[in-house]
Amino acid sequence: MSKFGELIDVKVPVLLDFFTEWNEPSVSMHPVLRDVAEALGDKIKVIKIDVDKNRELSEALRVKGLPTLMIYKNGEMVWRQAGEQDAGTLIGLLQEYL
């Protein structure tokens, strides 16, 4: 879990995507997240976390629905939502925390 702290405790907003490869809505978010990362470049970090490979973290953060998206700023969660989002919405949310 200390590694998780290092991932989120940075100066730029961090968008976390909790997903699995067997969940269709999770897979459909891959291109959306790519678009978000391309649009905002190094102003943000996008991190994908496979819940099957990171069960302890997923349980600690109470991830239930997939995909679950979270935005962290300076190590603090500032936004969270389960379900698919479009790139425009995510870009707008992330810009609020730049």
N, C-alpha and C. Protein backbone atom coordinates (compact mmCIF):
# COMPACT_ATOMS: atom_id res chain seq x y z
N MET A 1 0.82 -1.20 0.00
CA MET A 1 0.00 0.00 0.00
C MET A 1 0.86 1.25 0.00
N SER A 2 2.09 1.17 0.50
CA SER A 2 2.95 2.35 0.51
C SER A 2 3.27 2.78 -0.92
N LYS A 3 3.34 1.82 -1.82
CA LYS A 3 3.58 2.16 -3.22
C LYS A 3 2.41 2.97 -3.77
N PHE A 4 1.19 2.63 -3.35
CA PHE A 4 0.01 3.38 -3.76
C PHE A 4 0.13 4.83 -3.32
N GLY A 5 0.58 5.05 -2.09
CA GLY A 5 0.77 6.41 -1.59
C GLY A 5 1.72 7.21 -2.46
N GLU A 6 2.77 6.56 -2.94
CA GLU A 6 3.73 7.23 -3.81
C GLU A 6 3.09 7.60 -5.15
N LEU A 7 2.19 6.76 -5.64
CA LEU A 7 1.54 7.02 -6.93
C LEU A 7 0.61 8.23 -6.88
N ILE A 8 -0.09 8.39 -5.75
CA ILE A 8 -1.11 9.45 -5.68
C ILE A 8 -0.61 10.74 -5.04
N ASP A 9 0.51 10.70 -4.35
CA ASP A 9 1.00 11.89 -3.66
C ASP A 9 1.96 12.67 -4.56
N VAL A 10 1.39 13.20 -5.64
CA VAL A 10 2.16 13.98 -6.61
C VAL A 10 1.45 15.31 -6.83
N LYS A 11 2.14 16.24 -7.47
CA LYS A 11 1.60 17.59 -7.65
C LYS A 11 0.49 17.67 -8.70
N VAL A 12 0.47 16.74 -9.66
CA VAL A 12 -0.56 16.77 -10.71
C VAL A 12 -1.73 15.88 -10.30
N PRO A 13 -2.93 16.17 -10.83
CA PRO A 13 -4.06 15.28 -10.55
C PRO A 13 -3.79 13.88 -11.11
N VAL A 14 -4.27 12.88 -10.38
CA VAL A 14 -4.09 11.48 -10.78
C VAL A 14 -5.47 10.87 -10.99
N LEU A 15 -5.70 10.35 -12.19
CA LEU A 15 -6.95 9.66 -12.51
C LEU A 15 -6.68 8.16 -12.40
N LEU A 16 -7.37 7.51 -11.48
CA LEU A 16 -7.24 6.06 -11.31
C LEU A 16 -8.43 5.38 -11.97
N ASP A 17 -8.14 4.31 -12.68
CA ASP A 17 -9.17 3.50 -13.31
C ASP A 17 -9.05 2.09 -12.77
N PHE A 18 -10.01 1.68 -11.94
CA PHE A 18 -10.04 0.30 -11.43
C PHE A 18 -10.86 -0.50 -12.43
N PHE A 19 -10.25 -1.56 -12.99
CA PHE A 19 -10.87 -2.29 -14.09
C PHE A 19 -10.52 -3.77 -14.00
N THR A 20 -11.17 -4.55 -14.88
CA THR A 20 -10.76 -5.93 -15.17
C THR A 20 -10.90 -6.12 -16.67
N GLU A 21 -10.14 -7.05 -17.20
CA GLU A 21 -10.20 -7.32 -18.64
C GLU A 21 -11.46 -8.08 -19.04
N TRP A 22 -12.13 -8.71 -18.08
CA TRP A 22 -13.32 -9.49 -18.40
C TRP A 22 -14.61 -8.68 -18.27
N ASN A 23 -14.50 -7.42 -17.87
CA ASN A 23 -15.67 -6.56 -17.68
C ASN A 23 -15.79 -5.62 -18.87
N GLU A 24 -16.86 -5.78 -19.66
CA GLU A 24 -17.00 -5.01 -20.90
C GLU A 24 -16.97 -3.49 -20.71
N PRO A 25 -17.69 -2.92 -19.73
CA PRO A 25 -17.59 -1.47 -19.52
C PRO A 25 -16.17 -1.02 -19.18
N SER A 26 -15.43 -1.85 -18.43
CA SER A 26 -14.04 -1.52 -18.12
C SER A 26 -13.20 -1.43 -19.38
N VAL A 27 -13.37 -2.42 -20.25
CA VAL A 27 -12.59 -2.46 -21.49
C VAL A 27 -12.96 -1.29 -22.40
N SER A 28 -14.23 -0.92 -22.41
CA SER A 28 -14.65 0.19 -23.28
C SER A 28 -14.09 1.53 -22.81
N MET A 29 -13.60 1.60 -21.57
CA MET A 29 -13.00 2.84 -21.05
C MET A 29 -11.56 3.02 -21.53
N HIS A 30 -10.90 1.97 -22.00
CA HIS A 30 -9.49 2.07 -22.41
C HIS A 30 -9.25 3.20 -23.42
N PRO A 31 -10.01 3.26 -24.53
CA PRO A 31 -9.76 4.35 -25.48
C PRO A 31 -10.12 5.73 -24.91
N VAL A 32 -11.11 5.78 -24.05
CA VAL A 32 -11.50 7.05 -23.43
C VAL A 32 -10.34 7.58 -22.58
N LEU A 33 -9.74 6.69 -21.79
CA LEU A 33 -8.62 7.10 -20.94
C LEU A 33 -7.41 7.50 -21.77
N ARG A 34 -7.21 6.83 -22.89
CA ARG A 34 -6.13 7.21 -23.80
C ARG A 34 -6.35 8.63 -24.32
N ASP A 35 -7.60 8.94 -24.68
CA ASP A 35 -7.93 10.27 -25.17
C ASP A 35 -7.70 11.33 -24.09
N VAL A 36 -8.09 11.02 -22.86
CA VAL A 36 -7.89 11.96 -21.75
C VAL A 36 -6.39 12.21 -21.54
N ALA A 37 -5.61 11.13 -21.54
CA ALA A 37 -4.17 11.26 -21.33
C ALA A 37 -3.53 12.08 -22.46
N GLU A 38 -3.97 11.85 -23.69
CA GLU A 38 -3.43 12.60 -24.82
C GLU A 38 -3.81 14.07 -24.75
N ALA A 39 -5.05 14.35 -24.34
CA ALA A 39 -5.54 15.73 -24.29
C ALA A 39 -4.83 16.56 -23.22
N LEU A 40 -4.53 15.95 -22.08
CA LEU A 40 -3.96 16.71 -20.96
C LEU A 40 -2.46 16.50 -20.77
N GLY A 41 -1.90 15.51 -21.47
CA GLY A 41 -0.45 15.31 -21.45
C GLY A 41 0.13 15.15 -20.06
N ASP A 42 1.24 15.85 -19.82
CA ASP A 42 1.94 15.70 -18.54
C ASP A 42 1.33 16.54 -17.42
N LYS A 43 0.17 17.15 -17.66
CA LYS A 43 -0.52 17.91 -16.61
C LYS A 43 -1.22 16.98 -15.63
N ILE A 44 -1.40 15.70 -16.04
CA ILE A 44 -2.08 14.71 -15.21
C ILE A 44 -1.36 13.37 -15.32
N LYS A 45 -1.75 12.43 -14.45
CA LYS A 45 -1.33 11.04 -14.57
C LYS A 45 -2.58 10.20 -14.66
N VAL A 46 -2.56 9.21 -15.55
CA VAL A 46 -3.64 8.23 -15.64
C VAL A 46 -3.04 6.88 -15.26
N ILE A 47 -3.64 6.26 -14.27
CA ILE A 47 -3.14 4.97 -13.78
C ILE A 47 -4.27 3.96 -13.82
N LYS A 48 -4.02 2.84 -14.50
CA LYS A 48 -4.99 1.76 -14.58
C LYS A 48 -4.62 0.71 -13.55
N ILE A 49 -5.60 0.28 -12.77
CA ILE A 49 -5.36 -0.71 -11.72
C ILE A 49 -6.30 -1.89 -11.93
N ASP A 50 -5.72 -3.04 -12.25
CA ASP A 50 -6.49 -4.27 -12.46
C ASP A 50 -6.89 -4.82 -11.09
N VAL A 51 -8.20 -4.85 -10.82
CA VAL A 51 -8.66 -5.29 -9.50
C VAL A 51 -8.33 -6.75 -9.23
N ASP A 52 -8.23 -7.57 -10.28
CA ASP A 52 -7.88 -8.98 -10.07
C ASP A 52 -6.44 -9.12 -9.57
N LYS A 53 -5.57 -8.21 -9.95
CA LYS A 53 -4.17 -8.27 -9.53
C LYS A 53 -3.89 -7.40 -8.30
N ASN A 54 -4.86 -6.60 -7.89
CA ASN A 54 -4.68 -5.67 -6.76
C ASN A 54 -5.88 -5.73 -5.82
N ARG A 55 -6.20 -6.96 -5.40
CA ARG A 55 -7.39 -7.16 -4.57
C ARG A 55 -7.33 -6.40 -3.25
N GLU A 56 -6.18 -6.41 -2.60
CA GLU A 56 -6.06 -5.75 -1.29
C GLU A 56 -6.36 -4.25 -1.41
N LEU A 57 -5.79 -3.61 -2.40
CA LEU A 57 -6.03 -2.18 -2.62
C LEU A 57 -7.49 -1.93 -2.98
N SER A 58 -8.03 -2.74 -3.87
CA SER A 58 -9.43 -2.58 -4.29
C SER A 58 -10.38 -2.72 -3.11
N GLU A 59 -10.10 -3.68 -2.23
CA GLU A 59 -10.94 -3.87 -1.04
C GLU A 59 -10.78 -2.70 -0.08
N ALA A 60 -9.55 -2.23 0.10
CA ALA A 60 -9.30 -1.11 1.01
C ALA A 60 -10.03 0.15 0.55
N LEU A 61 -10.14 0.33 -0.77
CA LEU A 61 -10.83 1.51 -1.31
C LEU A 61 -12.30 1.23 -1.61
N ARG A 62 -12.77 0.05 -1.22
CA ARG A 62 -14.16 -0.36 -1.38
C ARG A 62 -14.66 -0.24 -2.82
N VAL A 63 -13.85 -0.72 -3.74
CA VAL A 63 -14.24 -0.74 -5.15
C VAL A 63 -15.25 -1.87 -5.34
N LYS A 64 -16.44 -1.52 -5.76
CA LYS A 64 -17.49 -2.52 -5.97
C LYS A 64 -17.85 -2.62 -7.45
N GLY A 65 -18.30 -1.53 -8.06
CA GLY A 65 -18.68 -1.54 -9.47
C GLY A 65 -17.48 -1.27 -10.36
N LEU A 66 -17.55 -1.78 -11.57
CA LEU A 66 -16.46 -1.56 -12.53
C LEU A 66 -17.00 -0.94 -13.80
N PRO A 67 -16.26 -0.03 -14.38
CA PRO A 67 -15.03 0.54 -13.83
C PRO A 67 -15.36 1.52 -12.70
N THR A 68 -14.41 1.68 -11.79
CA THR A 68 -14.50 2.74 -10.78
C THR A 68 -13.37 3.72 -11.08
N LEU A 69 -13.73 4.98 -11.20
CA LEU A 69 -12.77 6.03 -11.51
C LEU A 69 -12.62 6.93 -10.29
N MET A 70 -11.39 7.34 -10.01
CA MET A 70 -11.11 8.23 -8.89
C MET A 70 -10.10 9.28 -9.34
N ILE A 71 -10.25 10.48 -8.80
CA ILE A 71 -9.26 11.52 -9.02
C ILE A 71 -8.65 11.86 -7.67
N TYR A 72 -7.31 11.82 -7.62
CA TYR A 72 -6.56 12.22 -6.43
C TYR A 72 -5.78 13.47 -6.74
N LYS A 73 -5.70 14.37 -5.77
CA LYS A 73 -4.89 15.58 -5.89
C LYS A 73 -4.11 15.71 -4.59
N ASN A 74 -2.79 15.78 -4.68
CA ASN A 74 -1.92 15.88 -3.50
C ASN A 74 -2.20 14.77 -2.49
N GLY A 75 -2.44 13.56 -2.98
CA GLY A 75 -2.64 12.42 -2.11
C GLY A 75 -4.04 12.27 -1.54
N GLU A 76 -4.96 13.18 -1.87
CA GLU A 76 -6.33 13.14 -1.34
C GLU A 76 -7.32 12.84 -2.46
N MET A 77 -8.27 11.96 -2.19
CA MET A 77 -9.31 11.69 -3.17
C MET A 77 -10.24 12.90 -3.24
N VAL A 78 -10.44 13.42 -4.46
CA VAL A 78 -11.30 14.59 -4.63
C VAL A 78 -12.55 14.27 -5.45
N TRP A 79 -12.56 13.11 -6.11
CA TRP A 79 -13.71 12.71 -6.92
C TRP A 79 -13.69 11.21 -7.11
N ARG A 80 -14.88 10.62 -7.15
CA ARG A 80 -14.98 9.17 -7.35
C ARG A 80 -16.33 8.86 -7.96
N GLN A 81 -16.32 7.91 -8.92
CA GLN A 81 -17.58 7.47 -9.50
C GLN A 81 -17.39 6.11 -10.13
N ALA A 82 -18.40 5.26 -9.97
CA ALA A 82 -18.40 3.96 -10.64
C ALA A 82 -19.18 4.10 -11.95
N GLY A 83 -18.73 3.40 -12.96
CA GLY A 83 -19.42 3.42 -14.25
C GLY A 83 -18.63 4.17 -15.30
N GLU A 84 -19.08 4.03 -16.53
CA GLU A 84 -18.39 4.64 -17.66
C GLU A 84 -18.58 6.16 -17.66
N GLN A 85 -17.56 6.85 -18.13
CA GLN A 85 -17.59 8.30 -18.31
C GLN A 85 -17.06 8.61 -19.70
N ASP A 86 -17.45 9.75 -20.24
CA ASP A 86 -16.89 10.13 -21.54
C ASP A 86 -15.66 11.01 -21.32
N ALA A 87 -14.83 11.10 -22.36
CA ALA A 87 -13.56 11.82 -22.26
C ALA A 87 -13.78 13.29 -21.90
N GLY A 88 -14.78 13.93 -22.50
CA GLY A 88 -15.03 15.34 -22.22
C GLY A 88 -15.32 15.61 -20.76
N THR A 89 -16.13 14.75 -20.15
CA THR A 89 -16.45 14.90 -18.73
C THR A 89 -15.21 14.74 -17.88
N LEU A 90 -14.42 13.72 -18.16
CA LEU A 90 -13.20 13.48 -17.37
C LEU A 90 -12.19 14.60 -17.54
N ILE A 91 -12.03 15.10 -18.76
CA ILE A 91 -11.10 16.21 -18.99
C ILE A 91 -11.55 17.44 -18.21
N GLY A 92 -12.86 17.73 -18.24
CA GLY A 92 -13.39 18.87 -17.50
C GLY A 92 -13.15 18.74 -16.00
N LEU A 93 -13.40 17.54 -15.46
CA LEU A 93 -13.17 17.30 -14.04
C LEU A 93 -11.69 17.49 -13.68
N LEU A 94 -10.82 16.91 -14.47
CA LEU A 94 -9.38 17.00 -14.19
C LEU A 94 -8.89 18.44 -14.29
N GLN A 95 -9.42 19.21 -15.22
CA GLN A 95 -8.99 20.60 -15.37
C GLN A 95 -9.32 21.44 -14.14
N GLU A 96 -10.38 21.05 -13.41
CA GLU A 96 -10.72 21.74 -12.17
C GLU A 96 -9.60 21.63 -11.12
N TYR A 97 -8.80 20.58 -11.23
CA TYR A 97 -7.77 20.32 -10.21
C TYR A 97 -6.35 20.63 -10.69
N LEU A 98 -6.22 21.22 -11.87
CA LEU A 98 -4.89 21.57 -12.37
C LEU A 98 -4.32 22.76 -11.62
